[in-house]
N, C-alpha and C. Protein backbone atom coordinates (compact mmCIF):
# COMPACT_ATOMS: atom_id res chain seq x y z
N UNK A 1 131.51 103.70 96.52
CA UNK A 1 130.32 103.42 97.70
C UNK A 1 129.15 103.93 96.89
N UNK A 2 127.89 102.90 96.92
CA UNK A 2 126.80 103.35 96.10
C UNK A 2 126.04 104.57 97.16
N UNK A 3 125.54 105.17 96.36
CA UNK A 3 124.67 106.50 97.32
C UNK A 3 123.01 105.97 97.21
N UNK A 4 122.62 105.93 98.42
CA UNK A 4 121.19 105.36 98.81
C UNK A 4 120.32 106.62 98.89
N UNK A 5 119.17 106.65 98.05
CA UNK A 5 118.34 107.84 97.91
C UNK A 5 116.93 107.39 98.85
N UNK A 6 116.50 108.43 99.77
CA UNK A 6 115.38 108.10 100.64
C UNK A 6 114.29 108.83 100.28
N UNK A 7 113.02 108.20 99.68
CA UNK A 7 111.89 108.94 99.36
C UNK A 7 111.03 109.31 100.62
N UNK A 8 111.05 110.41 101.10
CA UNK A 8 110.60 110.76 102.35
C UNK A 8 108.91 110.42 102.45
N UNK A 9 108.37 110.43 101.27
CA UNK A 9 107.01 110.24 101.28
C UNK A 9 106.65 108.56 101.51
N UNK A 10 107.75 107.80 101.11
CA UNK A 10 107.57 106.43 101.30
C UNK A 10 108.08 105.67 102.55
N UNK A 11 109.15 106.27 103.05
CA UNK A 11 109.86 105.82 104.18
C UNK A 11 110.10 106.89 105.06
N UNK A 12 110.30 106.59 106.39
CA UNK A 12 110.58 107.37 107.17
C UNK A 12 112.31 107.64 107.34
N UNK A 13 112.63 108.66 108.00
CA UNK A 13 114.22 108.88 107.87
C UNK A 13 114.88 107.68 108.17
N UNK A 14 114.52 107.13 109.41
CA UNK A 14 115.29 106.12 109.65
C UNK A 14 115.47 104.73 108.82
N UNK A 15 114.36 104.79 107.72
CA UNK A 15 114.19 103.63 106.93
C UNK A 15 113.30 102.42 107.54
N UNK A 16 112.66 102.72 108.74
CA UNK A 16 111.96 101.68 109.20
C UNK A 16 110.61 101.56 108.58
N UNK A 17 110.05 100.42 108.46
CA UNK A 17 108.74 100.09 107.82
C UNK A 17 107.69 101.05 108.40
N UNK A 18 106.83 101.24 107.66
CA UNK A 18 105.60 102.32 107.79
C UNK A 18 104.58 101.38 107.81
N UNK A 19 103.29 101.76 108.88
CA UNK A 19 102.20 101.14 108.64
C UNK A 19 101.55 101.06 107.23
N UNK A 20 100.87 100.06 106.67
CA UNK A 20 100.13 99.98 105.55
C UNK A 20 99.49 101.15 105.06
N UNK A 21 98.70 101.65 106.04
CA UNK A 21 97.77 102.65 105.61
C UNK A 21 98.45 104.06 105.41
N UNK A 22 99.65 104.21 106.29
CA UNK A 22 100.58 105.50 106.03
C UNK A 22 101.21 105.18 104.82
N UNK A 23 101.57 104.06 104.35
CA UNK A 23 102.28 104.04 103.18
C UNK A 23 101.41 104.26 101.94
N UNK A 24 100.31 103.87 101.86
CA UNK A 24 99.41 104.10 100.84
C UNK A 24 99.12 105.70 100.81
N UNK A 25 98.96 106.60 101.95
CA UNK A 25 98.75 107.69 101.83
C UNK A 25 99.76 108.56 101.14
N UNK A 26 101.32 108.06 101.86
CA UNK A 26 102.43 108.80 101.44
C UNK A 26 102.57 108.42 99.84
N UNK A 27 101.94 107.20 99.37
CA UNK A 27 102.31 107.03 97.80
C UNK A 27 101.42 107.87 97.01
N UNK A 28 100.15 108.18 97.75
CA UNK A 28 99.35 109.14 97.06
C UNK A 28 99.56 110.50 97.10
N UNK A 29 100.86 110.99 97.84
CA UNK A 29 101.29 112.35 97.72
C UNK A 29 101.10 112.95 99.29
N UNK A 30 100.67 112.36 100.07
CA UNK A 30 100.65 113.06 101.62
C UNK A 30 101.94 112.67 102.00
N UNK A 31 102.37 114.02 102.58
CA UNK A 31 103.73 113.80 103.17
C UNK A 31 103.64 114.15 104.73
N UNK A 32 103.80 112.75 105.57
CA UNK A 32 103.95 112.35 106.97
C UNK A 32 105.24 112.67 107.25
N UNK A 33 105.55 113.65 107.97
CA UNK A 33 106.86 114.10 108.44
C UNK A 33 107.54 113.11 109.36
N UNK A 34 106.80 112.59 110.10
CA UNK A 34 107.32 111.48 111.29
C UNK A 34 106.46 110.41 111.32
N UNK A 35 106.61 109.43 110.42
CA UNK A 35 105.24 108.33 110.43
C UNK A 35 105.49 107.56 112.04
N UNK A 36 106.62 107.44 112.37
CA UNK A 36 106.71 106.78 114.04
C UNK A 36 105.74 107.43 115.04
N UNK A 37 105.48 108.94 114.84
CA UNK A 37 104.86 109.53 115.93
C UNK A 37 103.80 110.30 115.44
N UNK A 38 103.06 109.54 114.44
CA UNK A 38 101.92 110.02 113.78
C UNK A 38 100.78 108.81 114.16
N UNK A 39 99.56 109.14 114.23
CA UNK A 39 98.57 108.13 114.17
C UNK A 39 97.33 108.61 113.16
N UNK A 40 97.17 107.88 112.16
CA UNK A 40 96.01 108.15 111.40
C UNK A 40 95.16 107.06 110.98
N UNK A 41 93.83 107.34 111.39
CA UNK A 41 93.11 106.06 111.51
C UNK A 41 93.07 105.61 109.73
N UNK A 42 92.63 104.48 109.51
CA UNK A 42 92.54 103.90 108.11
C UNK A 42 91.47 104.35 107.36
N UNK A 43 90.34 104.80 108.20
CA UNK A 43 89.29 105.25 107.39
C UNK A 43 89.29 106.74 107.04
N UNK A 44 90.31 107.56 107.28
CA UNK A 44 90.54 108.74 106.98
C UNK A 44 91.07 109.13 105.71
N UNK A 45 90.58 110.09 104.96
CA UNK A 45 90.96 110.32 103.31
C UNK A 45 91.79 111.56 103.35
N UNK A 46 92.82 111.58 102.83
CA UNK A 46 93.53 113.03 102.89
C UNK A 46 94.33 113.10 101.42
N UNK A 47 93.70 114.61 100.86
CA UNK A 47 94.36 114.83 99.58
C UNK A 47 95.83 114.89 99.28
N UNK A 48 96.33 114.84 98.11
CA UNK A 48 97.67 115.14 97.90
C UNK A 48 98.12 116.34 98.36
N UNK A 49 99.54 116.49 98.52
CA UNK A 49 100.14 117.47 98.91
C UNK A 49 99.91 118.20 100.28
N UNK A 50 99.51 117.31 100.97
CA UNK A 50 99.02 117.74 102.43
C UNK A 50 100.13 117.25 103.35
N UNK A 51 100.62 118.14 104.23
CA UNK A 51 101.47 117.84 105.16
C UNK A 51 101.11 117.38 106.61
N UNK A 52 101.41 116.21 107.20
CA UNK A 52 100.84 115.87 108.43
C UNK A 52 102.17 115.98 109.53
N UNK A 53 102.13 116.89 110.29
CA UNK A 53 103.38 117.13 111.23
C UNK A 53 103.29 116.06 112.26
N UNK A 54 104.36 115.92 113.06
CA UNK A 54 104.73 114.92 114.25
C UNK A 54 103.93 115.24 115.13
N UNK A 55 103.32 114.26 115.86
CA UNK A 55 102.24 114.08 117.27
C UNK A 55 101.02 114.33 116.65
N UNK A 56 100.71 114.15 115.41
CA UNK A 56 99.37 114.38 114.94
C UNK A 56 98.55 113.19 115.04
N UNK A 57 97.18 113.13 115.61
CA UNK A 57 96.16 112.00 115.67
C UNK A 57 95.30 112.45 114.79
N UNK A 58 94.80 111.50 113.95
CA UNK A 58 93.55 111.80 113.16
C UNK A 58 92.75 110.41 113.51
N UNK A 59 91.64 110.59 114.07
CA UNK A 59 91.04 109.50 114.72
C UNK A 59 89.51 109.50 114.17
N UNK A 60 89.27 108.55 113.34
CA UNK A 60 87.93 108.34 112.85
C UNK A 60 87.83 108.77 111.23
N UNK A 61 86.70 108.86 110.53
CA UNK A 61 86.68 109.14 109.10
C UNK A 61 86.71 110.43 108.66
N UNK A 62 87.87 110.98 108.86
CA UNK A 62 88.12 112.48 108.77
C UNK A 62 88.28 112.55 107.20
N UNK A 63 87.88 113.83 106.70
CA UNK A 63 88.12 114.04 105.04
C UNK A 63 88.92 115.34 104.96
N UNK A 64 90.30 115.32 104.61
CA UNK A 64 91.09 116.31 104.71
C UNK A 64 91.48 116.54 103.24
N UNK A 65 91.34 117.84 102.83
CA UNK A 65 91.70 118.18 101.44
C UNK A 65 93.19 117.95 101.16
N UNK A 66 93.23 118.64 99.81
CA UNK A 66 94.47 118.80 99.39
C UNK A 66 95.09 120.03 99.55
N UNK A 67 96.56 120.04 99.85
CA UNK A 67 97.30 121.27 100.26
C UNK A 67 97.16 121.70 101.39
N UNK A 68 96.81 120.74 102.60
CA UNK A 68 96.57 121.40 103.91
C UNK A 68 97.78 121.07 104.82
N UNK A 69 97.88 121.71 105.82
CA UNK A 69 98.97 121.47 106.96
C UNK A 69 98.27 121.03 108.12
N UNK A 70 98.52 119.79 108.85
CA UNK A 70 97.93 119.59 109.90
C UNK A 70 98.92 119.25 111.04
N UNK A 71 98.88 120.05 112.02
CA UNK A 71 99.90 119.82 113.32
C UNK A 71 100.99 121.00 113.25
N UNK A 72 101.88 120.66 114.02
CA UNK A 72 102.23 119.20 115.09
C UNK A 72 101.43 119.45 116.26
N UNK A 73 101.17 118.35 116.87
CA UNK A 73 100.37 118.13 118.13
C UNK A 73 98.64 118.66 117.63
N UNK A 74 98.31 118.03 116.72
CA UNK A 74 96.75 118.03 116.37
C UNK A 74 96.18 116.74 116.51
N UNK A 75 94.98 117.31 117.10
CA UNK A 75 93.93 116.12 117.26
C UNK A 75 92.81 116.25 116.19
N UNK A 76 92.49 115.53 115.28
CA UNK A 76 91.29 115.56 114.47
C UNK A 76 90.50 114.31 114.56
N UNK A 77 89.46 114.30 115.28
CA UNK A 77 88.65 113.33 115.65
C UNK A 77 87.12 113.45 115.07
N UNK A 78 86.79 112.20 114.79
CA UNK A 78 85.35 112.16 114.20
C UNK A 78 85.43 112.29 112.70
N UNK A 79 84.05 112.48 112.16
CA UNK A 79 83.97 112.71 110.94
C UNK A 79 83.94 114.26 110.31
N UNK A 80 85.12 114.75 110.59
CA UNK A 80 85.46 116.17 110.42
C UNK A 80 85.82 116.20 108.73
N UNK A 81 85.55 117.40 108.33
CA UNK A 81 85.84 117.47 106.83
C UNK A 81 86.55 118.82 106.79
N UNK A 82 87.65 119.09 106.26
CA UNK A 82 88.47 120.15 106.00
C UNK A 82 88.72 120.09 104.53
N UNK A 83 88.28 121.28 103.70
CA UNK A 83 88.42 121.58 102.33
C UNK A 83 90.03 121.74 102.06
N UNK A 84 89.97 121.60 100.73
CA UNK A 84 91.24 121.98 99.90
C UNK A 84 91.79 123.46 100.49
N UNK A 85 93.07 123.52 100.84
CA UNK A 85 93.28 125.01 101.17
C UNK A 85 94.21 125.71 99.80
């Protein structure tokens, strides 16, 4: 029986398709723990090795640096800038 490996930065745990902008962020090194329960505005930029936890909403052109942790249950609204951690 072949073993299937799941790349958590590209697919969610259920293997369901992820919205295109979330896929782009994950391919760029952002870890979105639960893509089905996370909302990220396509205008937002997020640095590599940042973790976005479940029930997080990023609404607007936010700029989030690398190595950050956002959430769970966080709301980032507007043109907020969070530096690298």
